Amino acid sequence: MSSRTLLPIICRRFNSSLRVSGFSKGQLVSPGAVPYVETKDTLKQKSAEARRLRKRLLERPGIIGIKRGMTCFYDNQGHRFPATVVEIDQCEVLYNKTLEKHGYYAVQVGAGHRKPENETKPMLGHFRNAKVSPKANICEFEVRDKTGLVAPGTELKADRFKVGQMVDVISHSKGKGFAGVMKRWGFHGGPATHGASLSHRLAGSTGQNTTPARVFPGKKMAGHMGNREHTLFNLEVLDANGEKGYLLLKGSVSGSNGSYLKIRDGLKGNGRHIIAIPSGSE
């Protein structure tokens, strides 16, 4: 298309779209003649603040427990349930993170006991500021606003959760080492006979030919199995004793006996967004 045919098209687009007071309908307007309007800087959707506003957060922090094993629990009707015994041992608040200093609100919690000679000097000073003993496990719970912050040195007991309440348990699953596709992903494997040789438990083909000449990301293959952070939602609290320091949770949780668990209020039932989310969009 030549420049002679392009010029009328450009002029028609200006005539149909641009309307500025003080100029005629057929007159081209210079960009410098358009009045300047100052606009506010928009919030970048990939920024840390935007991610915080989109999160579904709880109003209060959770606690750290130690998995001690499983047992049976009978209710008043005689129904039998499997239950996990969780010990709450010296769970205390260490530090509070604020929006002004750290960019979000969070409560740092520690549990267990560690010998002072096995701890570094900076961490000993951190525990001394909170007026607590050295802890074996430390984690943090992000909260919605500053009303969910707890004073350092406060002990969090098992009766923080009520019987019948739904909680979430975050823990690391048992490590299984390097596992093949049959154990890791449940593949059926190859044939046992009819010419199969040394390929009974192999994955088989993992890609195509020259196109695309690569293995797609996410392909199920052999590799390290287990030892990943795992979250179980909406586990019922069967019993909670603050004096003796234990929780009974309905069902099983990930991890070996003696591993540390993060226990919080049920996010799906109690979590709220900081910004208003239109109904039906969740």
C-alpha atoms as a PDB file:
ATOM      1  CA  MET A   1       0.000   0.000   0.000  1.00  0.00           C
ATOM      2  CA  SER A   2       1.475   3.378  -1.074  1.00  0.00           C
ATOM      3  CA  SER A   3       1.813   6.507   1.048  1.00  0.00           C
ATOM      4  CA  ARG A   4      -0.946   8.238  -0.984  1.00  0.00           C
ATOM      5  CA  THR A   5      -3.471   5.626   0.096  1.00  0.00           C
ATOM      6  CA  LEU A   6      -2.257   5.539   3.710  1.00  0.00           C
ATOM      7  CA  LEU A   7      -2.647   9.287   4.331  1.00  0.00           C
ATOM      8  CA  PRO A   8      -6.468   9.414   3.971  1.00  0.00           C
ATOM      9  CA  ILE A   9      -6.794   6.408   6.286  1.00  0.00           C
ATOM     10  CA  ILE A  10      -4.682   8.093   8.968  1.00  0.00           C
ATOM     11  CA  CYS A  11      -6.676  11.303   8.643  1.00  0.00           C
ATOM     12  CA  ARG A  12      -9.989   9.447   8.945  1.00  0.00           C
ATOM     13  CA  ARG A  13      -8.751   7.709  12.131  1.00  0.00           C
ATOM     14  CA  PHE A  14      -7.792  11.067  13.638  1.00  0.00           C
ATOM     15  CA  ASN A  15     -11.147  12.588  12.675  1.00  0.00           C
ATOM     16  CA  SER A  16     -13.123   9.684  14.168  1.00  0.00           C
ATOM     17  CA  SER A  17     -11.226   9.201  17.428  1.00  0.00           C
ATOM     18  CA  LEU A  18      -9.633  12.496  18.540  1.00  0.00           C
ATOM     19  CA  ARG A  19     -11.879  15.306  19.817  1.00  0.00           C
ATOM     20  CA  VAL A  20     -10.157  18.245  21.524  1.00  0.00           C
ATOM     21  CA  SER A  21     -11.948  21.481  22.416  1.00  0.00           C
ATOM     22  CA  GLY A  22     -10.778  24.551  20.504  1.00  0.00           C
ATOM     23  CA  PHE A  23      -9.867  22.636  17.351  1.00  0.00           C
ATOM     24  CA  SER A  24     -11.917  22.018  14.261  1.00  0.00           C
ATOM     25  CA  LYS A  25     -13.205  18.599  13.334  1.00  0.00           C
ATOM     26  CA  GLY A  26     -10.881  18.094  10.376  1.00  0.00           C
ATOM     27  CA  GLN A  27      -7.761  19.563  11.939  1.00  0.00           C
ATOM     28  CA  LEU A  28      -4.864  17.339  12.969  1.00  0.00           C
ATOM     29  CA  VAL A  29      -3.849  17.921  16.591  1.00  0.00           C
ATOM     30  CA  SER A  30      -0.246  17.886  17.730  1.00  0.00           C
ATOM     31  CA  PRO A  31       0.457  15.674  20.769  1.00  0.00           C
ATOM     32  CA  GLY A  32       1.875  18.707  22.552  1.00  0.00           C
ATOM     33  CA  ALA A  33      -1.494  20.472  22.342  1.00  0.00           C
ATOM     34  CA  VAL A  34      -3.311  17.744  24.278  1.00  0.00           C
ATOM     35  CA  PRO A  35      -3.771  18.819  27.921  1.00  0.00           C
ATOM     36  CA  TYR A  36      -1.490  16.968  30.384  1.00  0.00           C
ATOM     37  CA  VAL A  37      -3.270  14.807  32.955  1.00  0.00           C
ATOM     38  CA  GLU A  38      -1.283  13.460  35.880  1.00  0.00           C
ATOM     39  CA  THR A  39      -2.146   9.894  36.799  1.00  0.00           C
ATOM     40  CA  LYS A  40      -1.126   7.873  39.853  1.00  0.00           C
ATOM     41  CA  ASP A  41       1.387   5.100  39.536  1.00  0.00           C
ATOM     42  CA  THR A  42      -0.421   1.777  39.320  1.00  0.00           C
ATOM     43  CA  LEU A  43       0.441  -1.133  41.608  1.00  0.00           C
ATOM     44  CA  LYS A  44       2.461  -3.729  39.762  1.00  0.00           C
ATOM     45  CA  GLN A  45       0.708  -7.079  39.914  1.00  0.00           C
ATOM     46  CA  LYS A  46       3.987  -8.964  40.378  1.00  0.00           C
ATOM     47  CA  SER A  47       5.217  -6.840  43.285  1.00  0.00           C
ATOM     48  CA  ALA A  48       5.456  -8.135  46.843  1.00  0.00           C
ATOM     49  CA  GLU A  49       2.711  -5.761  48.000  1.00  0.00           C
ATOM     50  CA  ALA A  50       0.322  -6.940  45.278  1.00  0.00           C
ATOM     51  CA  ARG A  51       0.960 -10.566  46.203  1.00  0.00           C
ATOM     52  CA  ARG A  52       0.259  -9.784  49.849  1.00  0.00           C
ATOM     53  CA  LEU A  53      -3.039  -8.132  49.004  1.00  0.00           C
ATOM     54  CA  ARG A  54      -4.145 -11.147  46.969  1.00  0.00           C
ATOM     55  CA  LYS A  55      -3.356 -13.662  49.706  1.00  0.00           C
ATOM     56  CA  ARG A  56      -5.967 -15.303  51.868  1.00  0.00           C
ATOM     57  CA  LEU A  57      -4.652 -14.812  55.413  1.00  0.00           C
ATOM     58  CA  LEU A  58      -5.702 -15.681  58.943  1.00  0.00           C
ATOM     59  CA  GLU A  59      -6.312 -13.284  61.795  1.00  0.00           C
ATOM     60  CA  ARG A  60      -4.046 -15.042  64.314  1.00  0.00           C
ATOM     61  CA  PRO A  61      -0.904 -17.205  64.229  1.00  0.00           C
ATOM     62  CA  GLY A  62      -0.780 -20.952  64.714  1.00  0.00           C
ATOM     63  CA  ILE A  63       1.449 -23.162  66.839  1.00  0.00           C
ATOM     64  CA  ILE A  64       4.254 -25.695  66.364  1.00  0.00           C
ATOM     65  CA  GLY A  65       3.705 -29.297  67.420  1.00  0.00           C
ATOM     66  CA  ILE A  66       5.646 -32.545  67.451  1.00  0.00           C
ATOM     67  CA  LYS A  67       4.153 -35.701  65.958  1.00  0.00           C
ATOM     68  CA  ARG A  68       4.305 -38.507  68.524  1.00  0.00           C
ATOM     69  CA  GLY A  69       2.370 -41.271  66.776  1.00  0.00           C
ATOM     70  CA  MET A  70      -1.175 -42.501  66.222  1.00  0.00           C
ATOM     71  CA  THR A  71      -3.854 -43.982  68.447  1.00  0.00           C
ATOM     72  CA  CYS A  72      -7.598 -44.728  68.546  1.00  0.00           C
ATOM     73  CA  PHE A  73     -10.290 -42.310  69.677  1.00  0.00           C
ATOM     74  CA  TYR A  74     -13.874 -43.220  70.633  1.00  0.00           C
ATOM     75  CA  ASP A  75     -16.642 -40.635  70.721  1.00  0.00           C
ATOM     76  CA  ASN A  76     -19.764 -40.671  72.910  1.00  0.00           C
ATOM     77  CA  GLN A  77     -21.616 -42.825  70.377  1.00  0.00           C
ATOM     78  CA  GLY A  78     -18.907 -45.470  70.420  1.00  0.00           C
ATOM     79  CA  HIS A  79     -17.548 -44.629  66.969  1.00  0.00           C
ATOM     80  CA  ARG A  80     -13.860 -45.358  66.539  1.00  0.00           C
ATOM     81  CA  PHE A  81     -11.573 -42.880  64.750  1.00  0.00           C
ATOM     82  CA  PRO A  82      -7.838 -42.955  63.961  1.00  0.00           C
ATOM     83  CA  ALA A  83      -6.127 -40.048  65.668  1.00  0.00           C
ATOM     84  CA  THR A  84      -2.686 -38.455  65.591  1.00  0.00           C
ATOM     85  CA  VAL A  85      -1.081 -37.414  68.884  1.00  0.00           C
ATOM     86  CA  VAL A  86       0.672 -34.030  68.672  1.00  0.00           C
ATOM     87  CA  GLU A  87       2.785 -32.713  71.541  1.00  0.00           C
ATOM     88  CA  ILE A  88       2.969 -28.964  72.174  1.00  0.00           C
ATOM     89  CA  ASP A  89       6.334 -28.352  73.858  1.00  0.00           C
ATOM     90  CA  GLN A  90       7.379 -24.825  74.931  1.00  0.00           C
ATOM     91  CA  CYS A  91       5.779 -23.098  71.962  1.00  0.00           C
ATOM     92  CA  GLU A  92       6.542 -19.391  72.437  1.00  0.00           C
ATOM     93  CA  VAL A  93       6.526 -16.210  70.366  1.00  0.00           C
ATOM     94  CA  LEU A  94       9.990 -14.941  69.387  1.00  0.00           C
ATOM     95  CA  TYR A  95       9.494 -11.948  67.111  1.00  0.00           C
ATOM     96  CA  ASN A  96       6.923  -9.867  65.232  1.00  0.00           C
ATOM     97  CA  LYS A  97       7.330  -8.689  61.648  1.00  0.00           C
ATOM     98  CA  THR A  98       5.561  -5.481  60.614  1.00  0.00           C
ATOM     99  CA  LEU A  99       4.483  -3.973  57.325  1.00  0.00           C
ATOM    100  CA  GLU A 100       6.658  -0.887  57.736  1.00  0.00           C
ATOM    101  CA  LYS A 101       9.887  -2.798  58.343  1.00  0.00           C
ATOM    102  CA  HIS A 102       9.448  -6.142  56.549  1.00  0.00           C
ATOM    103  CA  GLY A 103       6.615  -5.557  54.069  1.00  0.00           C
ATOM    104  CA  TYR A 104       4.094  -7.873  55.747  1.00  0.00           C
ATOM    105  CA  TYR A 105       2.729  -8.858  59.142  1.00  0.00           C
ATOM    106  CA  ALA A 106       3.940 -12.141  60.623  1.00  0.00           C
ATOM    107  CA  VAL A 107       4.570 -13.786  63.984  1.00  0.00           C
ATOM    108  CA  GLN A 108       7.752 -15.823  64.470  1.00  0.00           C
ATOM    109  CA  VAL A 109       7.199 -18.822  66.738  1.00  0.00           C
ATOM    110  CA  GLY A 110       9.658 -21.315  68.237  1.00  0.00           C
ATOM    111  CA  ALA A 111       9.133 -24.680  69.912  1.00  0.00           C
ATOM    112  CA  GLY A 112      11.144 -27.420  71.591  1.00  0.00           C
ATOM    113  CA  HIS A 113      14.468 -27.022  73.352  1.00  0.00           C
ATOM    114  CA  ARG A 114      18.045 -26.820  72.177  1.00  0.00           C
ATOM    115  CA  LYS A 115      21.256 -26.743  74.185  1.00  0.00           C
ATOM    116  CA  PRO A 116      22.790 -23.246  74.327  1.00  0.00           C
ATOM    117  CA  GLU A 117      26.248 -24.608  73.448  1.00  0.00           C
ATOM    118  CA  ASN A 118      24.831 -25.885  70.149  1.00  0.00           C
ATOM    119  CA  GLU A 119      23.407 -22.499  69.163  1.00  0.00           C
ATOM    120  CA  THR A 120      25.142 -19.564  67.474  1.00  0.00           C
ATOM    121  CA  LYS A 121      25.717 -16.282  69.290  1.00  0.00           C
ATOM    122  CA  PRO A 122      23.377 -14.248  67.036  1.00  0.00           C
ATOM    123  CA  MET A 123      20.546 -16.703  67.695  1.00  0.00           C
ATOM    124  CA  LEU A 124      21.277 -16.687  71.435  1.00  0.00           C
ATOM    125  CA  GLY A 125      20.872 -12.915  71.357  1.00  0.00           C
ATOM    126  CA  HIS A 126      17.629 -13.320  69.407  1.00  0.00           C
ATOM    127  CA  PHE A 127      16.253 -15.658  72.075  1.00  0.00           C
ATOM    128  CA  ARG A 128      17.505 -13.388  74.855  1.00  0.00           C
ATOM    129  CA  ASN A 129      15.605 -10.425  73.421  1.00  0.00           C
ATOM    130  CA  ALA A 130      12.411 -12.489  73.507  1.00  0.00           C
ATOM    131  CA  LYS A 131      13.262 -13.778  77.030  1.00  0.00           C
ATOM    132  CA  VAL A 132      12.820 -17.428  76.028  1.00  0.00           C
ATOM    133  CA  SER A 133      15.039 -20.509  75.996  1.00  0.00           C
ATOM    134  CA  PRO A 134      16.751 -21.648  72.750  1.00  0.00           C
ATOM    135  CA  LYS A 135      14.320 -23.398  70.432  1.00  0.00           C
ATOM    136  CA  ALA A 136      14.805 -26.483  68.286  1.00  0.00           C
ATOM    137  CA  ASN A 137      12.392 -25.356  65.562  1.00  0.00           C
ATOM    138  CA  ILE A 138      11.472 -21.861  64.364  1.00  0.00           C
ATOM    139  CA  CYS A 139       8.860 -20.818  61.809  1.00  0.00           C
ATOM    140  CA  GLU A 140       6.581 -17.876  61.129  1.00  0.00           C
ATOM    141  CA  PHE A 141       2.860 -17.429  60.549  1.00  0.00           C
ATOM    142  CA  GLU A 142       1.730 -14.570  58.334  1.00  0.00           C
ATOM    143  CA  VAL A 143      -1.344 -12.692  59.593  1.00  0.00           C
ATOM    144  CA  ARG A 144      -3.703 -10.198  57.993  1.00  0.00           C
ATOM    145  CA  ASP A 145      -2.948  -7.062  60.010  1.00  0.00           C
ATOM    146  CA  LYS A 146      -1.266  -5.811  63.162  1.00  0.00           C
ATOM    147  CA  THR A 147      -4.139  -6.959  65.383  1.00  0.00           C
ATOM    148  CA  GLY A 148      -2.901 -10.531  64.898  1.00  0.00           C
ATOM    149  CA  LEU A 149       0.556  -9.816  66.334  1.00  0.00           C
ATOM    150  CA  VAL A 150       1.417 -11.394  69.693  1.00  0.00           C
ATOM    151  CA  ALA A 151       3.895 -10.028  72.237  1.00  0.00           C
ATOM    152  CA  PRO A 152       7.284 -11.817  72.242  1.00  0.00           C
ATOM    153  CA  GLY A 153       7.653 -14.289  75.081  1.00  0.00           C
ATOM    154  CA  THR A 154       3.984 -15.291  75.058  1.00  0.00           C
ATOM    155  CA  GLU A 155       3.420 -19.037  75.354  1.00  0.00           C
ATOM    156  CA  LEU A 156       0.958 -20.604  72.915  1.00  0.00           C
ATOM    157  CA  LYS A 157      -0.756 -23.661  74.374  1.00  0.00           C
ATOM    158  CA  ALA A 158      -2.734 -26.529  72.899  1.00  0.00           C
ATOM    159  CA  ASP A 159      -6.083 -25.189  74.134  1.00  0.00           C
ATOM    160  CA  ARG A 160      -5.671 -22.395  71.594  1.00  0.00           C
ATOM    161  CA  PHE A 161      -7.767 -24.685  69.400  1.00  0.00           C
ATOM    162  CA  LYS A 162     -11.192 -25.902  70.486  1.00  0.00           C
ATOM    163  CA  VAL A 163     -12.619 -29.403  70.226  1.00  0.00           C
ATOM    164  CA  GLY A 164     -14.464 -29.809  66.925  1.00  0.00           C
ATOM    165  CA  GLN A 165     -12.521 -27.034  65.210  1.00  0.00           C
ATOM    166  CA  MET A 166     -10.990 -27.576  61.777  1.00  0.00           C
ATOM    167  CA  VAL A 167      -7.256 -26.970  61.483  1.00  0.00           C
ATOM    168  CA  ASP A 168      -4.602 -27.237  58.767  1.00  0.00           C
ATOM    169  CA  VAL A 169      -1.381 -29.176  59.339  1.00  0.00           C
ATOM    170  CA  ILE A 170       1.789 -28.343  57.385  1.00  0.00           C
ATOM    171  CA  SER A 171       4.688 -30.787  57.592  1.00  0.00           C
ATOM    172  CA  HIS A 172       7.364 -32.538  55.561  1.00  0.00           C
ATOM    173  CA  SER A 173       6.549 -35.984  54.213  1.00  0.00           C
ATOM    174  CA  LYS A 174       8.809 -38.979  54.764  1.00  0.00           C
ATOM    175  CA  GLY A 175      11.772 -39.123  52.410  1.00  0.00           C
ATOM    176  CA  LYS A 176      11.877 -42.216  50.179  1.00  0.00           C
ATOM    177  CA  GLY A 177      15.133 -41.521  48.367  1.00  0.00           C
ATOM    178  CA  PHE A 178      15.557 -42.028  44.613  1.00  0.00           C
ATOM    179  CA  ALA A 179      12.522 -43.961  43.356  1.00  0.00           C
ATOM    180  CA  GLY A 180      11.523 -45.305  39.954  1.00  0.00           C
ATOM    181  CA  VAL A 181       8.391 -44.402  38.032  1.00  0.00           C
ATOM    182  CA  MET A 182       6.444 -47.439  39.277  1.00  0.00           C
ATOM    183  CA  LYS A 183       6.854 -46.491  42.931  1.00  0.00           C
ATOM    184  CA  ARG A 184       6.875 -42.738  42.460  1.00  0.00           C
ATOM    185  CA  TRP A 185       4.015 -42.321  39.988  1.00  0.00           C
ATOM    186  CA  GLY A 186       2.259 -45.694  39.951  1.00  0.00           C
ATOM    187  CA  PHE A 187       3.267 -46.720  36.409  1.00  0.00           C
ATOM    188  CA  HIS A 188       2.268 -50.283  35.492  1.00  0.00           C
ATOM    189  CA  GLY A 189       5.656 -51.109  33.983  1.00  0.00           C
ATOM    190  CA  GLY A 190       6.473 -53.095  30.854  1.00  0.00           C
ATOM    191  CA  PRO A 191       5.559 -56.667  29.943  1.00  0.00           C
ATOM    192  CA  ALA A 192       7.143 -59.524  31.881  1.00  0.00           C
ATOM    193  CA  THR A 193       7.681 -61.818  28.844  1.00  0.00           C
ATOM    194  CA  HIS A 194       7.329 -61.876  25.044  1.00  0.00           C
ATOM    195  CA  GLY A 195      10.698 -60.386  24.274  1.00  0.00           C
ATOM    196  CA  ALA A 196      10.935 -57.878  27.130  1.00  0.00           C
ATOM    197  CA  SER A 197      14.511 -57.751  28.359  1.00  0.00           C
ATOM    198  CA  LEU A 198      15.724 -55.470  31.153  1.00  0.00           C
ATOM    199  CA  SER A 199      12.776 -53.124  30.611  1.00  0.00           C
ATOM    200  CA  HIS A 200      10.192 -54.484  33.047  1.00  0.00           C
ATOM    201  CA  ARG A 201      10.177 -51.425  35.334  1.00  0.00           C
ATOM    202  CA  LEU A 202      11.329 -48.709  32.916  1.00  0.00           C
ATOM    203  CA  ALA A 203       9.337 -45.583  32.103  1.00  0.00           C
ATOM    204  CA  GLY A 204       9.384 -46.144  28.363  1.00  0.00           C
ATOM    205  CA  SER A 205       9.390 -43.279  25.885  1.00  0.00           C
ATOM    206  CA  THR A 206       9.682 -39.801  27.421  1.00  0.00           C
ATOM    207  CA  GLY A 207       9.561 -37.608  24.323  1.00  0.00           C
ATOM    208  CA  GLN A 208       9.128 -37.308  20.555  1.00  0.00           C
ATOM    209  CA  ASN A 209      11.440 -37.174  17.541  1.00  0.00           C
ATOM    210  CA  THR A 210      13.102 -34.177  15.892  1.00  0.00           C
ATOM    211  CA  THR A 211      10.085 -32.062  16.791  1.00  0.00           C
ATOM    212  CA  PRO A 212      10.248 -30.844  19.535  1.00  0.00           C
ATOM    213  CA  ALA A 213      13.564 -32.653  20.199  1.00  0.00           C
ATOM    214  CA  ARG A 214      13.239 -32.250  23.957  1.00  0.00           C
ATOM    215  CA  VAL A 215      11.402 -33.589  26.988  1.00  0.00           C
ATOM    216  CA  PHE A 216       8.533 -31.377  28.115  1.00  0.00           C
ATOM    217  CA  PRO A 217       8.743 -29.901  31.635  1.00  0.00           C
ATOM    218  CA  GLY A 218       6.663 -31.741  34.204  1.00  0.00           C
ATOM    219  CA  LYS A 219       7.149 -35.156  32.630  1.00  0.00           C
ATOM    220  CA  LYS A 220       6.700 -37.922  35.199  1.00  0.00           C
ATOM    221  CA  MET A 221      10.079 -39.594  35.541  1.00  0.00           C
ATOM    222  CA  ALA A 222      12.223 -41.309  38.166  1.00  0.00           C
ATOM    223  CA  GLY A 223      13.706 -39.083  40.835  1.00  0.00           C
ATOM    224  CA  HIS A 224      13.754 -38.079  44.479  1.00  0.00           C
ATOM    225  CA  MET A 225      10.537 -39.062  46.244  1.00  0.00           C
ATOM    226  CA  GLY A 226       9.146 -37.594  49.434  1.00  0.00           C
ATOM    227  CA  ASN A 227      10.642 -35.040  51.844  1.00  0.00           C
ATOM    228  CA  ARG A 228       8.393 -32.300  50.508  1.00  0.00           C
ATOM    229  CA  GLU A 229       6.240 -29.804  52.358  1.00  0.00           C
ATOM    230  CA  HIS A 230       2.720 -31.181  52.514  1.00  0.00           C
ATOM    231  CA  THR A 231      -0.459 -29.451  53.735  1.00  0.00           C
ATOM    232  CA  LEU A 232      -3.537 -31.280  54.994  1.00  0.00           C
ATOM    233  CA  PHE A 233      -6.643 -29.104  55.168  1.00  0.00           C
ATOM    234  CA  ASN A 234      -9.578 -29.293  57.572  1.00  0.00           C
ATOM    235  CA  LEU A 235      -8.503 -31.885  60.127  1.00  0.00           C
ATOM    236  CA  GLU A 236     -10.874 -32.051  63.082  1.00  0.00           C
ATOM    237  CA  VAL A 237      -9.576 -31.471  66.610  1.00  0.00           C
ATOM    238  CA  LEU A 238     -10.740 -34.412  68.730  1.00  0.00           C
ATOM    239  CA  ASP A 239      -9.136 -33.304  71.997  1.00  0.00           C
ATOM    240  CA  ALA A 240      -7.027 -30.382  73.207  1.00  0.00           C
ATOM    241  CA  ASN A 241      -5.332 -30.187  76.619  1.00  0.00           C
ATOM    242  CA  GLY A 242      -3.376 -27.071  77.443  1.00  0.00           C
ATOM    243  CA  GLU A 243      -2.085 -28.285  80.832  1.00  0.00           C
ATOM    244  CA  LYS A 244      -0.704 -31.600  79.575  1.00  0.00           C
ATOM    245  CA  GLY A 245       0.284 -30.067  76.242  1.00  0.00           C
ATOM    246  CA  TYR A 246      -1.169 -32.318  73.547  1.00  0.00           C
ATOM    247  CA  LEU A 247      -3.596 -32.295  70.639  1.00  0.00           C
ATOM    248  CA  LEU A 248      -5.549 -35.166  69.130  1.00  0.00           C
ATOM    249  CA  LEU A 249      -6.219 -34.691  65.413  1.00  0.00           C
ATOM    250  CA  LYS A 250      -8.586 -36.857  63.422  1.00  0.00           C
ATOM    251  CA  GLY A 251      -6.788 -38.938  60.798  1.00  0.00           C
ATOM    252  CA  SER A 252      -3.127 -39.084  59.887  1.00  0.00           C
ATOM    253  CA  VAL A 253      -0.625 -36.358  59.046  1.00  0.00           C
ATOM    254  CA  SER A 254       2.538 -36.401  56.947  1.00  0.00           C
ATOM    255  CA  GLY A 255       5.950 -36.936  58.473  1.00  0.00           C
ATOM    256  CA  SER A 256       7.697 -39.377  60.752  1.00  0.00           C
ATOM    257  CA  ASN A 257       7.326 -39.588  64.519  1.00  0.00           C
ATOM    258  CA  GLY A 258       9.268 -36.788  66.164  1.00  0.00           C
ATOM    259  CA  SER A 259       8.925 -34.405  63.213  1.00  0.00           C
ATOM    260  CA  TYR A 260       7.670 -30.836  63.670  1.00  0.00           C
ATOM    261  CA  LEU A 261       4.256 -29.718  62.435  1.00  0.00           C
ATOM    262  CA  LYS A 262       2.787 -26.287  61.777  1.00  0.00           C
ATOM    263  CA  ILE A 263      -0.814 -26.171  62.990  1.00  0.00           C
ATOM    264  CA  ARG A 264      -3.058 -23.246  62.116  1.00  0.00           C
ATOM    265  CA  ASP A 265      -6.747 -22.398  61.888  1.00  0.00           C
ATOM    266  CA  GLY A 266      -8.505 -23.803  58.837  1.00  0.00           C
ATOM    267  CA  LEU A 267      -7.618 -21.447  55.999  1.00  0.00           C
ATOM    268  CA  LYS A 268     -10.600 -22.386  53.848  1.00  0.00           C
ATOM    269  CA  GLY A 269     -13.065 -21.587  56.611  1.00  0.00           C
ATOM    270  CA  ASN A 270     -11.354 -18.700  58.433  1.00  0.00           C
ATOM    271  CA  GLY A 271      -9.030 -17.086  55.881  1.00  0.00           C
ATOM    272  CA  ARG A 272      -9.951 -13.702  54.431  1.00  0.00           C
ATOM    273  CA  HIS A 273      -8.448 -11.579  51.672  1.00  0.00           C
ATOM    274  CA  ILE A 274      -7.062  -8.145  52.518  1.00  0.00           C
ATOM    275  CA  ILE A 275      -8.690  -6.656  49.421  1.00  0.00           C
ATOM    276  CA  ALA A 276     -12.320  -7.252  48.548  1.00  0.00           C
ATOM    277  CA  ILE A 277     -12.748 -10.152  46.123  1.00  0.00           C
ATOM    278  CA  PRO A 278     -15.985 -10.196  44.058  1.00  0.00           C
ATOM    279  CA  SER A 279     -18.335 -12.991  45.044  1.00  0.00           C
ATOM    280  CA  GLY A 280     -18.117 -16.050  42.830  1.00  0.00           C
ATOM    281  CA  SER A 281     -14.532 -15.355  41.710  1.00  0.00           C
ATOM    282  CA  GLU A 282     -12.886 -17.640  44.290  1.00  0.00           C
END
